């Protein structure tokens, strides 16, 4: 009976040692995976930040285009600029302004009718 008890204890001790080894290996594998995941997260976040920077620069560029366009239209209205390549665009702007003024008058008449 004592032998059976010792054998059982030895068997149990052996199983515990094996479990410890397996858990240690598992822990090492988890560390490697965590490091790889961390590296990937850093890479993706850096790429995302760069993409946001590019988008911000493009927005700034679009704002400059807008400001340049407004300035050109303003100078054209004062007859201080004459660039033949943009005259067609300026004519379209004038036409849109004319249509918008007409629509505002129409809106004013509609509002007066409802009173």
Protein backbone atom coordinates (compact mmCIF):
# COMPACT_ATOMS: atom_id res chain seq x y z
CA UNK A 1 0.00 0.00 0.00
CA UNK A 2 2.87 2.34 0.76
CA UNK A 3 4.38 1.48 -2.62
CA UNK A 4 1.10 2.31 -4.36
CA UNK A 5 0.96 5.61 -2.51
CA UNK A 6 4.56 6.45 -3.50
CA UNK A 7 3.90 5.40 -7.10
CA UNK A 8 0.79 7.57 -7.19
CA UNK A 9 2.71 10.52 -5.72
CA UNK A 10 5.53 10.02 -8.25
CA UNK A 11 3.00 9.77 -11.07
CA UNK A 12 1.24 12.89 -9.85
CA UNK A 13 4.53 14.75 -9.46
CA UNK A 14 5.49 13.74 -13.00
CA UNK A 15 2.15 15.01 -14.34
CA UNK A 16 2.57 18.31 -12.47
CA UNK A 17 6.09 18.74 -13.92
CA UNK A 18 4.77 18.04 -17.42
CA UNK A 19 1.95 20.51 -16.91
CA UNK A 20 4.47 23.13 -15.72
CA UNK A 21 6.60 22.58 -18.83
CA UNK A 22 3.59 22.83 -21.10
CA UNK A 23 2.37 25.99 -19.38
CA UNK A 24 5.86 27.52 -19.60
CA UNK A 25 6.00 26.73 -23.35
CA UNK A 26 2.49 28.07 -23.79
CA UNK A 27 3.47 31.26 -21.96
CA UNK A 28 6.51 31.67 -24.21
CA UNK A 29 4.33 31.22 -27.31
CA UNK A 30 1.83 33.77 -25.99
CA UNK A 31 4.68 36.25 -25.44
CA UNK A 32 5.86 35.79 -29.03
CA UNK A 33 2.33 36.25 -30.37
CA UNK A 34 1.78 39.30 -28.19
CA UNK A 35 5.00 40.86 -29.46
CA UNK A 36 4.03 40.18 -33.08
CA UNK A 37 0.57 41.67 -32.44
CA UNK A 38 2.09 44.71 -30.77
CA UNK A 39 4.44 45.25 -33.71
CA UNK A 40 1.55 44.94 -36.16
CA UNK A 41 -0.59 47.39 -34.16
CA UNK A 42 2.27 49.91 -34.12
CA UNK A 43 2.75 49.48 -37.88
CA UNK A 44 -0.97 49.93 -38.62
CA UNK A 45 -1.26 52.97 -36.36
CA UNK A 46 1.77 54.62 -37.98
CA UNK A 47 0.29 53.98 -41.43
CA UNK A 48 -3.05 55.38 -40.27
CA UNK A 49 -1.42 58.52 -38.91
CA UNK A 50 0.44 59.06 -42.18
CA UNK A 51 -2.82 58.63 -44.12
CA UNK A 52 -4.51 61.21 -41.87
CA UNK A 53 -1.58 63.59 -42.42
CA UNK A 54 -1.94 63.17 -46.19
CA UNK A 55 -5.69 63.81 -45.97
CA UNK A 56 -5.05 66.94 -43.89
CA UNK A 57 -2.56 68.22 -46.45
CA UNK A 58 -5.04 67.56 -49.27
CA UNK A 59 -7.74 69.48 -47.37
CA UNK A 60 -5.32 72.39 -46.96
CA UNK A 61 -4.56 72.25 -50.67
CA UNK A 62 -8.28 72.24 -51.56
CA UNK A 63 -8.78 75.27 -49.30
CA UNK A 64 -5.99 77.08 -51.14
CA UNK A 65 -7.62 76.25 -54.49
CA UNK A 66 -10.87 77.64 -53.14
CA UNK A 67 -9.15 80.81 -51.88
CA UNK A 68 -7.34 81.27 -55.20
CA UNK A 69 -10.62 80.89 -57.07
CA UNK A 70 -12.35 83.44 -54.86
CA UNK A 71 -9.49 85.88 -55.34
CA UNK A 72 -9.56 85.48 -59.12
CA UNK A 73 -13.32 86.03 -59.25
CA UNK A 74 -12.96 89.07 -57.00
CA UNK A 75 -10.19 90.55 -59.15
CA UNK A 76 -12.17 89.82 -62.30
CA UNK A 77 -15.18 91.66 -60.90
CA UNK A 78 -12.94 94.71 -60.42
CA UNK A 79 -11.49 94.31 -63.95
CA UNK A 80 -8.03 93.86 -62.46
CA UNK A 81 -7.35 90.50 -64.07
CA UNK A 82 -7.61 89.11 -67.56
CA UNK A 83 -6.67 85.49 -67.99
CA UNK A 84 -8.22 84.14 -71.21
CA UNK A 85 -7.93 80.51 -70.04
CA UNK A 86 -10.35 81.11 -67.16
CA UNK A 87 -12.85 83.40 -68.90
CA UNK A 88 -15.17 80.46 -69.65
CA UNK A 89 -15.23 79.56 -65.95
CA UNK A 90 -15.88 83.16 -64.95
CA UNK A 91 -18.79 83.34 -67.41
CA UNK A 92 -20.27 80.19 -65.83
CA UNK A 93 -19.93 81.79 -62.39
CA UNK A 94 -21.70 84.94 -63.65
CA UNK A 95 -24.51 82.82 -65.10
CA UNK A 96 -24.89 80.85 -61.85
CA UNK A 97 -25.00 84.13 -59.90
CA UNK A 98 -27.71 85.42 -62.23
CA UNK A 99 -29.80 82.27 -61.85
CA UNK A 100 -29.34 82.38 -58.06
CA UNK A 101 -30.54 86.00 -57.93
CA UNK A 102 -33.62 85.05 -59.97
CA UNK A 103 -34.34 82.12 -57.65
CA UNK A 104 -34.09 84.42 -54.63
CA UNK A 105 -36.65 86.76 -56.21
CA UNK A 106 -38.92 83.76 -56.93
CA UNK A 107 -38.56 82.66 -53.32
CA UNK A 108 -39.41 86.14 -52.10
CA UNK A 109 -42.58 86.17 -54.25
CA UNK A 110 -43.63 82.72 -52.99
CA UNK A 111 -43.18 83.80 -49.39
CA UNK A 112 -45.25 86.96 -49.97
CA UNK A 113 -48.05 84.90 -51.56
CA UNK A 114 -48.29 82.68 -48.47
CA UNK A 115 -48.90 85.62 -46.13
